Amino acid sequence: MEKEKMEKSTKIISMSDATKKKNAKVAEEINGRNLFTEKIEITKKTLEDLKYLPI
């Protein structure tokens, strides 16, 4: 049997340099942030009060 070569296709969206710079700036600002701080705090509080898991 011959091994068939699998080709991976990717869709490339063309962007202007200005758009790429804006996207890079937004990505840097978001990187490392917790975007759902309220839900994280509620979950932590809920888990603190939980004594056992109902399985």
C-alpha atoms as a PDB file:
ATOM      1  CA  MET A   1       0.000   0.000   0.000  1.00  0.00           C
ATOM      2  CA  GLU A   2       1.197   3.452  -0.805  1.00  0.00           C
ATOM      3  CA  LYS A   3       1.031   6.071   1.890  1.00  0.00           C
ATOM      4  CA  GLU A   4      -1.093   8.950   0.819  1.00  0.00           C
ATOM      5  CA  LYS A   5       0.157  12.374   1.665  1.00  0.00           C
ATOM      6  CA  MET A   6      -2.274  14.327   3.787  1.00  0.00           C
ATOM      7  CA  GLU A   7      -2.374  18.014   3.050  1.00  0.00           C
ATOM      8  CA  LYS A   8      -3.590  20.428   5.630  1.00  0.00           C
ATOM      9  CA  SER A   9      -5.654  23.257   4.257  1.00  0.00           C
ATOM     10  CA  THR A  10      -5.877  26.528   6.093  1.00  0.00           C
ATOM     11  CA  LYS A  11      -7.960  29.533   5.333  1.00  0.00           C
ATOM     12  CA  ILE A  12      -5.921  32.699   5.228  1.00  0.00           C
ATOM     13  CA  ILE A  13      -7.633  36.010   5.722  1.00  0.00           C
ATOM     14  CA  SER A  14      -5.745  38.897   4.238  1.00  0.00           C
ATOM     15  CA  MET A  15      -5.331  41.909   6.514  1.00  0.00           C
ATOM     16  CA  SER A  16      -3.714  45.247   6.156  1.00  0.00           C
ATOM     17  CA  ASP A  17      -0.656  46.089   8.257  1.00  0.00           C
ATOM     18  CA  ALA A  18      -2.731  48.533  10.324  1.00  0.00           C
ATOM     19  CA  THR A  19      -5.243  45.788  11.164  1.00  0.00           C
ATOM     20  CA  LYS A  20      -2.452  43.387  12.109  1.00  0.00           C
ATOM     21  CA  LYS A  21      -0.963  46.000  14.450  1.00  0.00           C
ATOM     22  CA  LYS A  22      -4.365  46.667  16.064  1.00  0.00           C
ATOM     23  CA  ASN A  23      -4.936  42.935  16.570  1.00  0.00           C
ATOM     24  CA  ALA A  24      -1.466  42.520  18.072  1.00  0.00           C
ATOM     25  CA  LYS A  25      -2.079  45.417  20.471  1.00  0.00           C
ATOM     26  CA  VAL A  26      -5.420  43.979  21.621  1.00  0.00           C
ATOM     27  CA  ALA A  27      -3.861  40.523  22.057  1.00  0.00           C
ATOM     28  CA  GLU A  28      -1.095  41.997  24.236  1.00  0.00           C
ATOM     29  CA  GLU A  29      -3.653  43.816  26.410  1.00  0.00           C
ATOM     30  CA  ILE A  30      -5.799  40.697  26.873  1.00  0.00           C
ATOM     31  CA  ASN A  31      -2.883  38.302  27.455  1.00  0.00           C
ATOM     32  CA  GLY A  32      -2.659  37.256  31.107  1.00  0.00           C
ATOM     33  CA  ARG A  33      -5.898  38.868  32.210  1.00  0.00           C
ATOM     34  CA  ASN A  34      -8.760  37.095  33.853  1.00  0.00           C
ATOM     35  CA  LEU A  35     -11.707  38.163  31.758  1.00  0.00           C
ATOM     36  CA  PHE A  36     -14.289  36.524  34.000  1.00  0.00           C
ATOM     37  CA  THR A  37     -13.194  37.722  37.451  1.00  0.00           C
ATOM     38  CA  GLU A  38     -16.731  37.855  38.860  1.00  0.00           C
ATOM     39  CA  LYS A  39     -17.495  34.257  37.895  1.00  0.00           C
ATOM     40  CA  ILE A  40     -14.105  33.077  39.180  1.00  0.00           C
ATOM     41  CA  GLU A  41     -14.748  34.685  42.573  1.00  0.00           C
ATOM     42  CA  ILE A  42     -18.252  33.193  42.793  1.00  0.00           C
ATOM     43  CA  THR A  43     -16.840  29.763  41.950  1.00  0.00           C
ATOM     44  CA  LYS A  44     -14.092  30.073  44.565  1.00  0.00           C
ATOM     45  CA  LYS A  45     -16.648  31.074  47.214  1.00  0.00           C
ATOM     46  CA  THR A  46     -18.938  28.187  46.235  1.00  0.00           C
ATOM     47  CA  LEU A  47     -16.080  25.677  46.397  1.00  0.00           C
ATOM     48  CA  GLU A  48     -14.983  26.959  49.826  1.00  0.00           C
ATOM     49  CA  ASP A  49     -18.432  26.231  51.233  1.00  0.00           C
ATOM     50  CA  LEU A  50     -18.665  22.813  49.600  1.00  0.00           C
ATOM     51  CA  LYS A  51     -17.904  19.978  52.003  1.00  0.00           C
ATOM     52  CA  TYR A  52     -18.308  17.010  49.670  1.00  0.00           C
ATOM     53  CA  LEU A  53     -19.128  16.355  46.049  1.00  0.00           C
ATOM     54  CA  PRO A  54     -22.450  14.650  45.359  1.00  0.00           C
ATOM     55  CA  ILE A  55     -21.362  11.893  42.999  1.00  0.00           C
END
